[in-house]
Amino acid sequence: MTNSTMTDQTNIERIVMRRILLIRILRLVISTAVLATLTAFAALWGIGKEVWVARIFENAPPNIGDLPNFYLAAFMHTHIVVQVLTLLTFVSLVYLAFETARLIVDVMKPPRS
């Protein structure tokens, strides 16, 4: 015999469930992957404010073998702010790639029995 109050949530259950939901949302918002993504976007935005990116691509040599030297020279002859933002973007993207690979490996693992 079930009572109608047994199916209804009590105040304490609602409060606990609301706090659990808040903690899950905060874990998502404060996670390092989200922080790395926001850092990469902010750094790319900063690079866009400092450098005319379209001109870099226009001035790039058509020969693929010359591209590394061109980009290295462009990097070395720019302001320190752009260099720092470029490195910050690179580190953030490498971290995101590492986290994505780790997530894929975890998802692909067979469940333990």
C-alpha atoms as a PDB file:
ATOM      1  CA  MET A   1       0.000   0.000   0.000  1.00  0.00           C
ATOM      2  CA  THR A   2       1.579   3.249  -1.109  1.00  0.00           C
ATOM      3  CA  ASN A   3       0.860   6.531   0.423  1.00  0.00           C
ATOM      4  CA  SER A   4       0.552   9.625  -1.785  1.00  0.00           C
ATOM      5  CA  THR A   5       3.185  11.327   0.346  1.00  0.00           C
ATOM      6  CA  MET A   6       5.692   8.573  -0.473  1.00  0.00           C
ATOM      7  CA  THR A   7       5.793   9.609  -4.141  1.00  0.00           C
ATOM      8  CA  ASP A   8       6.009  13.329  -3.414  1.00  0.00           C
ATOM      9  CA  GLN A   9       9.410  14.836  -2.734  1.00  0.00           C
ATOM     10  CA  THR A  10       9.905  16.273   0.683  1.00  0.00           C
ATOM     11  CA  ASN A  11      11.416  19.694   1.179  1.00  0.00           C
ATOM     12  CA  ILE A  12      14.753  18.216   2.172  1.00  0.00           C
ATOM     13  CA  GLU A  13      14.854  16.017  -0.942  1.00  0.00           C
ATOM     14  CA  ARG A  14      14.131  19.022  -3.158  1.00  0.00           C
ATOM     15  CA  ILE A  15      16.853  21.061  -1.450  1.00  0.00           C
ATOM     16  CA  VAL A  16      19.390  18.242  -1.755  1.00  0.00           C
ATOM     17  CA  MET A  17      18.543  17.633  -5.417  1.00  0.00           C
ATOM     18  CA  ARG A  18      18.779  21.376  -6.163  1.00  0.00           C
ATOM     19  CA  ARG A  19      22.217  21.492  -4.523  1.00  0.00           C
ATOM     20  CA  ILE A  20      23.368  18.441  -6.486  1.00  0.00           C
ATOM     21  CA  LEU A  21      22.232  20.101  -9.707  1.00  0.00           C
ATOM     22  CA  LEU A  22      24.064  23.298  -8.744  1.00  0.00           C
ATOM     23  CA  ILE A  23      27.255  21.364  -8.012  1.00  0.00           C
ATOM     24  CA  ARG A  24      27.049  19.550 -11.368  1.00  0.00           C
ATOM     25  CA  ILE A  25      26.544  22.832 -13.226  1.00  0.00           C
ATOM     26  CA  LEU A  26      29.429  24.468 -11.345  1.00  0.00           C
ATOM     27  CA  ARG A  27      31.703  21.490 -12.118  1.00  0.00           C
ATOM     28  CA  LEU A  28      30.910  21.944 -15.797  1.00  0.00           C
ATOM     29  CA  VAL A  29      31.407  25.711 -15.731  1.00  0.00           C
ATOM     30  CA  ILE A  30      34.607  25.601 -13.674  1.00  0.00           C
ATOM     31  CA  SER A  31      36.145  22.619 -15.420  1.00  0.00           C
ATOM     32  CA  THR A  32      39.632  23.025 -16.842  1.00  0.00           C
ATOM     33  CA  ALA A  33      38.467  22.165 -20.356  1.00  0.00           C
ATOM     34  CA  VAL A  34      36.016  25.054 -20.321  1.00  0.00           C
ATOM     35  CA  LEU A  35      38.718  27.298 -18.898  1.00  0.00           C
ATOM     36  CA  ALA A  36      41.121  26.212 -21.660  1.00  0.00           C
ATOM     37  CA  THR A  37      38.463  26.857 -24.318  1.00  0.00           C
ATOM     38  CA  LEU A  38      37.720  30.321 -22.977  1.00  0.00           C
ATOM     39  CA  THR A  39      41.446  31.049 -22.760  1.00  0.00           C
ATOM     40  CA  ALA A  40      41.963  29.991 -26.373  1.00  0.00           C
ATOM     41  CA  PHE A  41      39.059  32.140 -27.575  1.00  0.00           C
ATOM     42  CA  ALA A  42      40.229  35.151 -25.567  1.00  0.00           C
ATOM     43  CA  ALA A  43      43.793  34.755 -26.842  1.00  0.00           C
ATOM     44  CA  LEU A  44      42.607  34.416 -30.442  1.00  0.00           C
ATOM     45  CA  TRP A  45      40.458  37.511 -30.007  1.00  0.00           C
ATOM     46  CA  GLY A  46      43.483  39.372 -28.615  1.00  0.00           C
ATOM     47  CA  ILE A  47      45.613  38.263 -31.558  1.00  0.00           C
ATOM     48  CA  GLY A  48      42.887  39.481 -33.913  1.00  0.00           C
ATOM     49  CA  LYS A  49      42.905  42.883 -32.203  1.00  0.00           C
ATOM     50  CA  GLU A  50      46.703  43.198 -32.449  1.00  0.00           C
ATOM     51  CA  VAL A  51      47.442  41.696 -35.868  1.00  0.00           C
ATOM     52  CA  TRP A  52      45.771  41.898 -39.252  1.00  0.00           C
ATOM     53  CA  VAL A  53      45.480  38.129 -39.654  1.00  0.00           C
ATOM     54  CA  ALA A  54      44.195  38.248 -43.230  1.00  0.00           C
ATOM     55  CA  ARG A  55      47.383  40.046 -44.318  1.00  0.00           C
ATOM     56  CA  ILE A  56      49.521  37.284 -42.825  1.00  0.00           C
ATOM     57  CA  PHE A  57      47.719  34.684 -44.920  1.00  0.00           C
ATOM     58  CA  GLU A  58      47.913  36.912 -48.013  1.00  0.00           C
ATOM     59  CA  ASN A  59      51.673  37.338 -47.587  1.00  0.00           C
ATOM     60  CA  ALA A  60      52.310  33.643 -46.963  1.00  0.00           C
ATOM     61  CA  PRO A  61      54.424  31.967 -49.629  1.00  0.00           C
ATOM     62  CA  PRO A  62      52.652  29.592 -52.012  1.00  0.00           C
ATOM     63  CA  ASN A  63      55.334  26.937 -51.509  1.00  0.00           C
ATOM     64  CA  ILE A  64      54.453  24.694 -48.554  1.00  0.00           C
ATOM     65  CA  GLY A  65      58.142  24.131 -47.760  1.00  0.00           C
ATOM     66  CA  ASP A  66      58.646  27.853 -47.088  1.00  0.00           C
ATOM     67  CA  LEU A  67      55.698  28.155 -44.679  1.00  0.00           C
ATOM     68  CA  PRO A  68      57.528  27.144 -41.460  1.00  0.00           C
ATOM     69  CA  ASN A  69      60.259  29.749 -42.028  1.00  0.00           C
ATOM     70  CA  PHE A  70      57.673  32.390 -42.937  1.00  0.00           C
ATOM     71  CA  TYR A  71      55.556  31.808 -39.827  1.00  0.00           C
ATOM     72  CA  LEU A  72      58.621  31.640 -37.598  1.00  0.00           C
ATOM     73  CA  ALA A  73      59.875  34.952 -38.996  1.00  0.00           C
ATOM     74  CA  ALA A  74      56.421  36.504 -38.627  1.00  0.00           C
ATOM     75  CA  PHE A  75      56.251  35.268 -35.032  1.00  0.00           C
ATOM     76  CA  MET A  76      59.724  36.553 -34.166  1.00  0.00           C
ATOM     77  CA  HIS A  77      59.099  40.011 -35.670  1.00  0.00           C
ATOM     78  CA  THR A  78      55.862  40.750 -33.872  1.00  0.00           C
ATOM     79  CA  HIS A  79      55.101  42.388 -30.527  1.00  0.00           C
ATOM     80  CA  ILE A  80      55.625  40.470 -27.299  1.00  0.00           C
ATOM     81  CA  VAL A  81      51.867  40.610 -26.602  1.00  0.00           C
ATOM     82  CA  VAL A  82      51.129  38.731 -29.813  1.00  0.00           C
ATOM     83  CA  GLN A  83      53.852  36.196 -29.050  1.00  0.00           C
ATOM     84  CA  VAL A  84      52.440  35.534 -25.583  1.00  0.00           C
ATOM     85  CA  LEU A  85      48.883  35.269 -26.919  1.00  0.00           C
ATOM     86  CA  THR A  86      50.033  32.900 -29.653  1.00  0.00           C
ATOM     87  CA  LEU A  87      51.781  30.649 -27.148  1.00  0.00           C
ATOM     88  CA  LEU A  88      48.763  30.794 -24.838  1.00  0.00           C
ATOM     89  CA  THR A  89      46.501  29.755 -27.714  1.00  0.00           C
ATOM     90  CA  PHE A  90      48.839  26.919 -28.656  1.00  0.00           C
ATOM     91  CA  VAL A  91      49.053  25.601 -25.081  1.00  0.00           C
ATOM     92  CA  SER A  92      45.268  25.813 -24.651  1.00  0.00           C
ATOM     93  CA  LEU A  93      44.622  23.930 -27.887  1.00  0.00           C
ATOM     94  CA  VAL A  94      47.173  21.236 -27.030  1.00  0.00           C
ATOM     95  CA  TYR A  95      45.544  20.815 -23.610  1.00  0.00           C
ATOM     96  CA  LEU A  96      42.096  20.557 -25.203  1.00  0.00           C
ATOM     97  CA  ALA A  97      43.368  17.947 -27.651  1.00  0.00           C
ATOM     98  CA  PHE A  98      44.860  15.962 -24.760  1.00  0.00           C
ATOM     99  CA  GLU A  99      41.626  16.164 -22.756  1.00  0.00           C
ATOM    100  CA  THR A 100      39.555  15.161 -25.787  1.00  0.00           C
ATOM    101  CA  ALA A 101      41.773  12.149 -26.451  1.00  0.00           C
ATOM    102  CA  ARG A 102      41.572  11.148 -22.792  1.00  0.00           C
ATOM    103  CA  LEU A 103      37.782  11.453 -22.863  1.00  0.00           C
ATOM    104  CA  ILE A 104      37.552   9.327 -26.004  1.00  0.00           C
ATOM    105  CA  VAL A 105      39.762   6.639 -24.455  1.00  0.00           C
ATOM    106  CA  ASP A 106      37.608   6.624 -21.304  1.00  0.00           C
ATOM    107  CA  VAL A 107      34.415   6.331 -23.330  1.00  0.00           C
ATOM    108  CA  MET A 108      35.810   3.532 -25.499  1.00  0.00           C
ATOM    109  CA  LYS A 109      36.926   1.413 -22.530  1.00  0.00           C
ATOM    110  CA  PRO A 110      34.792  -1.659 -22.008  1.00  0.00           C
ATOM    111  CA  PRO A 111      32.791  -1.572 -18.794  1.00  0.00           C
ATOM    112  CA  ARG A 112      34.152  -3.512 -15.859  1.00  0.00           C
ATOM    113  CA  SER A 113      32.190  -6.582 -14.928  1.00  0.00           C
END
